[in-house]
Amino acid sequence: MNKRIGFNRNIKQAWLDAVAAFCTEMDDPAEIRARLEPIIAQDINSPTNIRKSIDILLNIWFREETEPSPLHLQALRHYRESLAPSDRLWLHYGLTLTAYPFFATVTSVIGQLGRFEQAITSASVKKRVMAELGPLGSLDQAISRIFYSLRDWGLLVTAGKRYIYQPQYNLLTTGNPELEAWLLSSALHAHPAEELPIADLLNLPALFPFRFTVGAGYLRQMPNLAVQRQGLGMDMVRVSGG
């Protein structure tokens, strides 16, 4: 699989919940892997495919940096404190955006196309992604893996015919504004631009499943975001080192 793709297996939300729970309890990747294997094996027979699936899960939730990033540490804290499965999906999604740029590209295309069409097809998404990234190896299969995963997470639903789907816009809400700000920070970290107008950040196509209530005033309080007022009253936001 092309290294620029990375996200090359179907990933179930139940598996993400499992790896996140293990990562809040232990910091030994070998032990986490051993705990995950029997869980993944309930759905997959191939040892190779089990290993590849676990590789993706660990890349999302287990970071082996000498100093874990503030976003990752905050995700672990939020997961420990969160009881709602829908709140946990904010965390899975945000960490996947930062771990896999290809996932961010595909979800952005889905969000863009879905704004103008009642339903989208996997073929239309593949065509747009190929135009943006070029003919990467195994691109078709990788996009199919993302489609499967988004359907398992409840963020895409079939639209009555095979290969036709409806993105679930503004599906997920949370009563935790700090979690909203965390996901916005993750999306901005994954975005190629160093800074964005706040209005653009709140409406990023890749964040199509989420509904936000926070604004500039709240985001100014976040230690890992910097908000600056520019000309014409525009608030720009960027990732800070805090």
C-alpha atoms as a PDB file:
ATOM      1  CA  MET A   1       0.000   0.000   0.000  1.00  0.00           C
ATOM      2  CA  ASN A   2       1.291   3.438  -0.865  1.00  0.00           C
ATOM      3  CA  LYS A   3       2.706   5.153   2.224  1.00  0.00           C
ATOM      4  CA  ARG A   4       0.754   8.279   1.367  1.00  0.00           C
ATOM      5  CA  ILE A   5      -2.463   6.349   1.941  1.00  0.00           C
ATOM      6  CA  GLY A   6      -1.891   4.367   5.135  1.00  0.00           C
ATOM      7  CA  PHE A   7      -5.550   3.892   6.054  1.00  0.00           C
ATOM      8  CA  ASN A   8      -5.937   0.597   4.215  1.00  0.00           C
ATOM      9  CA  ARG A   9      -8.240  -1.551   6.346  1.00  0.00           C
ATOM     10  CA  ASN A  10     -11.872  -1.468   7.440  1.00  0.00           C
ATOM     11  CA  ILE A  11     -11.845   0.015  10.946  1.00  0.00           C
ATOM     12  CA  LYS A  12     -14.808  -0.539  13.251  1.00  0.00           C
ATOM     13  CA  GLN A  13     -15.855   1.885  15.950  1.00  0.00           C
ATOM     14  CA  ALA A  14     -15.855  -0.920  18.516  1.00  0.00           C
ATOM     15  CA  TRP A  15     -12.166  -1.500  17.784  1.00  0.00           C
ATOM     16  CA  LEU A  16     -11.423   2.203  18.208  1.00  0.00           C
ATOM     17  CA  ASP A  17     -13.213   2.153  21.545  1.00  0.00           C
ATOM     18  CA  ALA A  18     -11.120  -0.828  22.606  1.00  0.00           C
ATOM     19  CA  VAL A  19      -7.755   0.639  21.641  1.00  0.00           C
ATOM     20  CA  ALA A  20      -8.636   3.977  23.233  1.00  0.00           C
ATOM     21  CA  ALA A  21      -9.620   2.256  26.485  1.00  0.00           C
ATOM     22  CA  PHE A  22      -6.398   0.248  26.536  1.00  0.00           C
ATOM     23  CA  CYS A  23      -4.309   3.369  25.818  1.00  0.00           C
ATOM     24  CA  THR A  24      -5.833   5.108  28.839  1.00  0.00           C
ATOM     25  CA  GLU A  25      -4.774   2.170  31.021  1.00  0.00           C
ATOM     26  CA  MET A  26      -1.308   1.214  29.743  1.00  0.00           C
ATOM     27  CA  ASP A  27       1.585   2.544  27.670  1.00  0.00           C
ATOM     28  CA  ASP A  28       3.163  -0.703  26.431  1.00  0.00           C
ATOM     29  CA  PRO A  29       2.352  -1.130  22.718  1.00  0.00           C
ATOM     30  CA  ALA A  30       3.070  -4.873  22.831  1.00  0.00           C
ATOM     31  CA  GLU A  31       0.558  -5.343  25.655  1.00  0.00           C
ATOM     32  CA  ILE A  32      -2.037  -3.221  23.875  1.00  0.00           C
ATOM     33  CA  ARG A  33      -1.514  -5.238  20.708  1.00  0.00           C
ATOM     34  CA  ALA A  34      -1.931  -8.502  22.618  1.00  0.00           C
ATOM     35  CA  ARG A  35      -5.178  -7.238  24.148  1.00  0.00           C
ATOM     36  CA  LEU A  36      -6.495  -6.162  20.748  1.00  0.00           C
ATOM     37  CA  GLU A  37      -5.719  -9.360  18.825  1.00  0.00           C
ATOM     38  CA  PRO A  38      -8.584 -11.524  20.188  1.00  0.00           C
ATOM     39  CA  ILE A  39     -11.027  -8.631  19.703  1.00  0.00           C
ATOM     40  CA  ILE A  40     -10.091  -8.114  16.051  1.00  0.00           C
ATOM     41  CA  ALA A  41      -9.969 -11.893  15.492  1.00  0.00           C
ATOM     42  CA  GLN A  42     -13.711 -12.076  16.135  1.00  0.00           C
ATOM     43  CA  ASP A  43     -14.188 -10.383  12.746  1.00  0.00           C
ATOM     44  CA  ILE A  44     -11.001 -11.209  10.810  1.00  0.00           C
ATOM     45  CA  ASN A  45      -9.351 -14.581  10.260  1.00  0.00           C
ATOM     46  CA  SER A  46      -6.131 -13.588   8.510  1.00  0.00           C
ATOM     47  CA  PRO A  47      -3.202 -12.946  10.913  1.00  0.00           C
ATOM     48  CA  THR A  48      -1.768 -10.488   8.397  1.00  0.00           C
ATOM     49  CA  ASN A  49      -4.981  -8.494   8.214  1.00  0.00           C
ATOM     50  CA  ILE A  50      -5.331  -8.562  11.995  1.00  0.00           C
ATOM     51  CA  ARG A  51      -1.824  -7.116  12.282  1.00  0.00           C
ATOM     52  CA  LYS A  52      -2.524  -4.412   9.691  1.00  0.00           C
ATOM     53  CA  SER A  53      -5.751  -3.419  11.427  1.00  0.00           C
ATOM     54  CA  ILE A  54      -3.984  -3.150  14.775  1.00  0.00           C
ATOM     55  CA  ASP A  55      -1.209  -1.102  13.164  1.00  0.00           C
ATOM     56  CA  ILE A  56      -3.801   1.466  12.101  1.00  0.00           C
ATOM     57  CA  LEU A  57      -5.523   1.486  15.495  1.00  0.00           C
ATOM     58  CA  LEU A  58      -2.216   2.042  17.290  1.00  0.00           C
ATOM     59  CA  ASN A  59      -1.193   4.750  14.857  1.00  0.00           C
ATOM     60  CA  ILE A  60      -4.421   6.568  15.692  1.00  0.00           C
ATOM     61  CA  TRP A  61      -4.488   6.194  19.475  1.00  0.00           C
ATOM     62  CA  PHE A  62      -0.947   5.255  20.556  1.00  0.00           C
ATOM     63  CA  ARG A  63       1.753   7.798  19.793  1.00  0.00           C
ATOM     64  CA  GLU A  64       5.344   6.831  20.571  1.00  0.00           C
ATOM     65  CA  GLU A  65       6.779  10.345  20.589  1.00  0.00           C
ATOM     66  CA  THR A  66       9.220  11.181  23.380  1.00  0.00           C
ATOM     67  CA  GLU A  67       6.794  13.939  24.320  1.00  0.00           C
ATOM     68  CA  PRO A  68       3.189  13.137  23.345  1.00  0.00           C
ATOM     69  CA  SER A  69       1.445  16.028  21.646  1.00  0.00           C
ATOM     70  CA  PRO A  70      -1.017  18.131  23.661  1.00  0.00           C
ATOM     71  CA  LEU A  71      -3.795  16.981  21.308  1.00  0.00           C
ATOM     72  CA  HIS A  72      -3.072  13.335  22.076  1.00  0.00           C
ATOM     73  CA  LEU A  73      -2.837  13.875  25.823  1.00  0.00           C
ATOM     74  CA  GLN A  74      -6.114  15.824  25.738  1.00  0.00           C
ATOM     75  CA  ALA A  75      -7.759  13.021  23.749  1.00  0.00           C
ATOM     76  CA  LEU A  76      -6.766  10.481  26.397  1.00  0.00           C
ATOM     77  CA  ARG A  77      -8.138  12.732  29.142  1.00  0.00           C
ATOM     78  CA  HIS A  78     -11.380  13.341  27.282  1.00  0.00           C
ATOM     79  CA  TYR A  79     -11.797   9.617  26.681  1.00  0.00           C
ATOM     80  CA  ARG A  80     -11.376   8.836  30.380  1.00  0.00           C
ATOM     81  CA  GLU A  81     -13.988  11.452  31.265  1.00  0.00           C
ATOM     82  CA  SER A  82     -16.476  10.820  28.441  1.00  0.00           C
ATOM     83  CA  LEU A  83     -19.338   8.360  28.826  1.00  0.00           C
ATOM     84  CA  ALA A  84     -21.325   9.076  25.641  1.00  0.00           C
ATOM     85  CA  PRO A  85     -20.356   6.895  22.647  1.00  0.00           C
ATOM     86  CA  SER A  86     -21.081   9.818  20.335  1.00  0.00           C
ATOM     87  CA  ASP A  87     -18.615  12.015  22.250  1.00  0.00           C
ATOM     88  CA  ARG A  88     -15.959   9.347  21.865  1.00  0.00           C
ATOM     89  CA  LEU A  89     -16.481   9.393  18.108  1.00  0.00           C
ATOM     90  CA  TRP A  90     -15.351  13.048  18.107  1.00  0.00           C
ATOM     91  CA  LEU A  91     -12.044  11.809  19.526  1.00  0.00           C
ATOM     92  CA  HIS A  92     -11.637   8.871  17.132  1.00  0.00           C
ATOM     93  CA  TYR A  93     -12.362  11.106  14.161  1.00  0.00           C
ATOM     94  CA  GLY A  94     -10.017  13.896  15.213  1.00  0.00           C
ATOM     95  CA  LEU A  95      -7.076  11.581  15.882  1.00  0.00           C
ATOM     96  CA  THR A  96      -7.663   9.803  12.567  1.00  0.00           C
ATOM     97  CA  LEU A  97      -7.535  13.165  10.763  1.00  0.00           C
ATOM     98  CA  THR A  98      -4.153  13.928  12.320  1.00  0.00           C
ATOM     99  CA  ALA A  99      -2.754  10.413  11.828  1.00  0.00           C
ATOM    100  CA  TYR A 100      -3.833   9.920   8.199  1.00  0.00           C
ATOM    101  CA  PRO A 101      -3.760  12.850   5.744  1.00  0.00           C
ATOM    102  CA  PHE A 102      -5.397  10.577   3.155  1.00  0.00           C
ATOM    103  CA  PHE A 103      -8.387  10.118   5.467  1.00  0.00           C
ATOM    104  CA  ALA A 104      -8.593  13.899   5.813  1.00  0.00           C
ATOM    105  CA  THR A 105      -8.532  14.296   2.027  1.00  0.00           C
ATOM    106  CA  VAL A 106     -11.250  11.718   1.395  1.00  0.00           C
ATOM    107  CA  THR A 107     -13.585  13.026   4.120  1.00  0.00           C
ATOM    108  CA  SER A 108     -13.065  16.552   2.792  1.00  0.00           C
ATOM    109  CA  VAL A 109     -14.106  15.448  -0.693  1.00  0.00           C
ATOM    110  CA  ILE A 110     -17.149  13.650   0.742  1.00  0.00           C
ATOM    111  CA  GLY A 111     -18.106  16.798   2.620  1.00  0.00           C
ATOM    112  CA  GLN A 112     -17.653  18.983  -0.461  1.00  0.00           C
ATOM    113  CA  LEU A 113     -19.620  16.768  -2.836  1.00  0.00           C
ATOM    114  CA  GLY A 114     -22.408  16.196  -0.346  1.00  0.00           C
ATOM    115  CA  ARG A 115     -23.074  19.920  -0.065  1.00  0.00           C
ATOM    116  CA  PHE A 116     -24.199  20.045  -3.689  1.00  0.00           C
ATOM    117  CA  GLU A 117     -25.688  16.587  -4.170  1.00  0.00           C
ATOM    118  CA  GLN A 118     -28.336  14.757  -2.171  1.00  0.00           C
ATOM    119  CA  ALA A 119     -26.304  11.572  -2.471  1.00  0.00           C
ATOM    120  CA  ILE A 120     -22.755  10.775  -3.510  1.00  0.00           C
ATOM    121  CA  THR A 121     -21.124   7.778  -5.141  1.00  0.00           C
ATOM    122  CA  SER A 122     -17.836   6.147  -4.338  1.00  0.00           C
ATOM    123  CA  ALA A 123     -16.886   6.623  -7.995  1.00  0.00           C
ATOM    124  CA  SER A 124     -17.355  10.402  -7.816  1.00  0.00           C
ATOM    125  CA  VAL A 125     -15.243  10.588  -4.665  1.00  0.00           C
ATOM    126  CA  LYS A 126     -12.504   8.457  -6.215  1.00  0.00           C
ATOM    127  CA  LYS A 127     -12.460  10.653  -9.324  1.00  0.00           C
ATOM    128  CA  ARG A 128     -12.083  13.833  -7.257  1.00  0.00           C
ATOM    129  CA  VAL A 129      -9.397  12.356  -4.980  1.00  0.00           C
ATOM    130  CA  MET A 130      -7.412  11.077  -7.957  1.00  0.00           C
ATOM    131  CA  ALA A 131      -7.578  14.528  -9.558  1.00  0.00           C
ATOM    132  CA  GLU A 132      -6.201  16.021  -6.342  1.00  0.00           C
ATOM    133  CA  LEU A 133      -3.534  13.467  -5.413  1.00  0.00           C
ATOM    134  CA  GLY A 134      -2.771  11.656  -8.656  1.00  0.00           C
ATOM    135  CA  PRO A 135      -3.009   7.904  -9.367  1.00  0.00           C
ATOM    136  CA  LEU A 136      -1.758   6.518  -6.058  1.00  0.00           C
ATOM    137  CA  GLY A 137      -1.423   2.764  -5.796  1.00  0.00           C
ATOM    138  CA  SER A 138      -4.482   0.950  -4.426  1.00  0.00           C
ATOM    139  CA  LEU A 139      -6.397   4.228  -4.193  1.00  0.00           C
ATOM    140  CA  ASP A 140      -9.720   2.605  -5.107  1.00  0.00           C
ATOM    141  CA  GLN A 141      -9.417   0.000  -2.386  1.00  0.00           C
ATOM    142  CA  ALA A 142      -8.300   2.527   0.217  1.00  0.00           C
ATOM    143  CA  ILE A 143     -11.294   4.791  -0.454  1.00  0.00           C
ATOM    144  CA  SER A 144     -13.575   1.779  -0.160  1.00  0.00           C
ATOM    145  CA  ARG A 145     -12.030   1.070   3.264  1.00  0.00           C
ATOM    146  CA  ILE A 146     -12.789   4.612   4.393  1.00  0.00           C
ATOM    147  CA  PHE A 147     -16.360   4.373   3.079  1.00  0.00           C
ATOM    148  CA  TYR A 148     -16.869   1.127   5.008  1.00  0.00           C
ATOM    149  CA  SER A 149     -15.451   2.661   8.189  1.00  0.00           C
ATOM    150  CA  LEU A 150     -17.585   5.807   7.937  1.00  0.00           C
ATOM    151  CA  ARG A 151     -20.664   3.636   7.447  1.00  0.00           C
ATOM    152  CA  ASP A 152     -19.772   1.573  10.517  1.00  0.00           C
ATOM    153  CA  TRP A 153     -19.371   4.808  12.489  1.00  0.00           C
ATOM    154  CA  GLY A 154     -22.821   5.946  11.308  1.00  0.00           C
ATOM    155  CA  LEU A 155     -21.481   8.928   9.350  1.00  0.00           C
ATOM    156  CA  LEU A 156     -22.469   7.622   5.910  1.00  0.00           C
ATOM    157  CA  VAL A 157     -25.678   5.755   5.114  1.00  0.00           C
ATOM    158  CA  THR A 158     -26.729   3.959   1.967  1.00  0.00           C
ATOM    159  CA  ALA A 159     -29.183   5.900  -0.201  1.00  0.00           C
ATOM    160  CA  GLY A 160     -31.218   2.975  -1.497  1.00  0.00           C
ATOM    161  CA  LYS A 161     -28.871   1.817  -4.237  1.00  0.00           C
ATOM    162  CA  ARG A 162     -25.495   0.130  -4.173  1.00  0.00           C
ATOM    163  CA  TYR A 163     -22.502   2.499  -4.038  1.00  0.00           C
ATOM    164  CA  ILE A 164     -24.733   5.534  -3.413  1.00  0.00           C
ATOM    165  CA  TYR A 165     -24.488   7.184  -0.004  1.00  0.00           C
ATOM    166  CA  GLN A 166     -25.746  10.129   2.022  1.00  0.00           C
ATOM    167  CA  PRO A 167     -23.254  11.933   4.287  1.00  0.00           C
ATOM    168  CA  GLN A 168     -24.786  12.598   7.696  1.00  0.00           C
ATOM    169  CA  TYR A 169     -24.322  16.337   8.067  1.00  0.00           C
ATOM    170  CA  ASN A 170     -24.370  17.880  11.566  1.00  0.00           C
ATOM    171  CA  LEU A 171     -25.241  14.475  13.010  1.00  0.00           C
ATOM    172  CA  LEU A 172     -23.082  14.659  16.117  1.00  0.00           C
ATOM    173  CA  THR A 173     -23.511  17.212  18.868  1.00  0.00           C
ATOM    174  CA  THR A 174     -21.929  17.417  22.290  1.00  0.00           C
ATOM    175  CA  GLY A 175     -22.623  19.307  25.464  1.00  0.00           C
ATOM    176  CA  ASN A 176     -18.866  19.719  25.970  1.00  0.00           C
ATOM    177  CA  PRO A 177     -17.499  22.879  24.271  1.00  0.00           C
ATOM    178  CA  GLU A 178     -13.948  21.830  25.143  1.00  0.00           C
ATOM    179  CA  LEU A 179     -14.447  18.706  23.036  1.00  0.00           C
ATOM    180  CA  GLU A 180     -15.676  20.864  20.143  1.00  0.00           C
ATOM    181  CA  ALA A 181     -12.555  23.024  20.434  1.00  0.00           C
ATOM    182  CA  TRP A 182     -10.356  19.917  20.594  1.00  0.00           C
ATOM    183  CA  LEU A 183     -11.771  18.571  17.315  1.00  0.00           C
ATOM    184  CA  LEU A 184     -11.359  21.968  15.639  1.00  0.00           C
ATOM    185  CA  SER A 185      -7.730  22.013  16.828  1.00  0.00           C
ATOM    186  CA  SER A 186      -7.203  18.532  15.399  1.00  0.00           C
ATOM    187  CA  ALA A 187      -8.745  19.490  12.058  1.00  0.00           C
ATOM    188  CA  LEU A 188      -6.614  22.628  11.852  1.00  0.00           C
ATOM    189  CA  HIS A 189      -3.513  20.609  12.732  1.00  0.00           C
ATOM    190  CA  ALA A 190      -4.328  18.225   9.860  1.00  0.00           C
ATOM    191  CA  HIS A 191      -5.105  21.046   7.402  1.00  0.00           C
ATOM    192  CA  PRO A 192      -2.378  22.155   4.950  1.00  0.00           C
ATOM    193  CA  ALA A 193      -2.971  25.850   5.723  1.00  0.00           C
ATOM    194  CA  GLU A 194      -1.175  27.303   8.755  1.00  0.00           C
ATOM    195  CA  GLU A 195      -4.184  29.426   9.672  1.00  0.00           C
ATOM    196  CA  LEU A 196      -7.813  29.806   8.658  1.00  0.00           C
ATOM    197  CA  PRO A 197     -10.658  32.227   9.234  1.00  0.00           C
ATOM    198  CA  ILE A 198     -12.731  30.870  12.109  1.00  0.00           C
ATOM    199  CA  ALA A 199     -15.812  30.725   9.890  1.00  0.00           C
ATOM    200  CA  ASP A 200     -13.913  28.500   7.431  1.00  0.00           C
ATOM    201  CA  LEU A 201     -12.621  26.269  10.219  1.00  0.00           C
ATOM    202  CA  LEU A 202     -16.127  25.754  11.597  1.00  0.00           C
ATOM    203  CA  ASN A 203     -17.317  24.776   8.121  1.00  0.00           C
ATOM    204  CA  LEU A 204     -14.441  22.565   6.963  1.00  0.00           C
ATOM    205  CA  PRO A 205     -15.881  19.920   4.614  1.00  0.00           C
ATOM    206  CA  ALA A 206     -13.998  17.146   6.426  1.00  0.00           C
ATOM    207  CA  LEU A 207     -15.980  17.972   9.589  1.00  0.00           C
ATOM    208  CA  PHE A 208     -19.335  17.417   7.900  1.00  0.00           C
ATOM    209  CA  PRO A 209     -20.693  15.000  10.577  1.00  0.00           C
ATOM    210  CA  PHE A 210     -20.274  17.481  13.449  1.00  0.00           C
ATOM    211  CA  ARG A 211     -22.301  20.443  14.676  1.00  0.00           C
ATOM    212  CA  PHE A 212     -20.386  23.197  16.465  1.00  0.00           C
ATOM    213  CA  THR A 213     -21.626  25.819  18.892  1.00  0.00           C
ATOM    214  CA  VAL A 214     -18.330  27.449  19.950  1.00  0.00           C
ATOM    215  CA  GLY A 215     -17.162  30.760  18.525  1.00  0.00           C
ATOM    216  CA  ALA A 216     -14.144  33.049  18.552  1.00  0.00           C
ATOM    217  CA  GLY A 217     -14.590  34.053  22.190  1.00  0.00           C
ATOM    218  CA  TYR A 218     -14.371  30.481  23.429  1.00  0.00           C
ATOM    219  CA  LEU A 219     -11.589  29.452  21.057  1.00  0.00           C
ATOM    220  CA  ARG A 220      -9.436  32.337  22.331  1.00  0.00           C
ATOM    221  CA  GLN A 221      -9.333  30.560  25.700  1.00  0.00           C
ATOM    222  CA  MET A 222      -7.865  27.366  24.246  1.00  0.00           C
ATOM    223  CA  PRO A 223      -4.120  26.945  24.972  1.00  0.00           C
ATOM    224  CA  ASN A 224      -3.365  25.150  21.690  1.00  0.00           C
ATOM    225  CA  LEU A 225      -5.120  27.724  19.485  1.00  0.00           C
ATOM    226  CA  ALA A 226      -4.207  31.318  18.723  1.00  0.00           C
ATOM    227  CA  VAL A 227      -6.950  33.652  17.504  1.00  0.00           C
ATOM    228  CA  GLN A 228      -6.087  37.036  16.007  1.00  0.00           C
ATOM    229  CA  ARG A 229      -8.341  39.770  14.683  1.00  0.00           C
ATOM    230  CA  GLN A 230      -7.315  40.946  11.222  1.00  0.00           C
ATOM    231  CA  GLY A 231      -8.660  43.528   8.794  1.00  0.00           C
ATOM    232  CA  LEU A 232     -12.393  43.837   8.158  1.00  0.00           C
ATOM    233  CA  GLY A 233     -13.137  42.222  11.505  1.00  0.00           C
ATOM    234  CA  MET A 234     -11.954  38.771  10.424  1.00  0.00           C
ATOM    235  CA  ASP A 235     -10.816  36.383  13.154  1.00  0.00           C
ATOM    236  CA  MET A 236      -7.985  34.089  12.063  1.00  0.00           C
ATOM    237  CA  VAL A 237      -7.059  30.971  14.004  1.00  0.00           C
ATOM    238  CA  ARG A 238      -3.905  28.881  13.989  1.00  0.00           C
ATOM    239  CA  VAL A 239      -2.397  26.077  16.036  1.00  0.00           C
ATOM    240  CA  SER A 240      -0.209  27.396  18.831  1.00  0.00           C
ATOM    241  CA  GLY A 241       2.499  25.671  20.819  1.00  0.00           C
ATOM    242  CA  GLY A 242       0.576  25.915  24.066  1.00  0.00           C
END
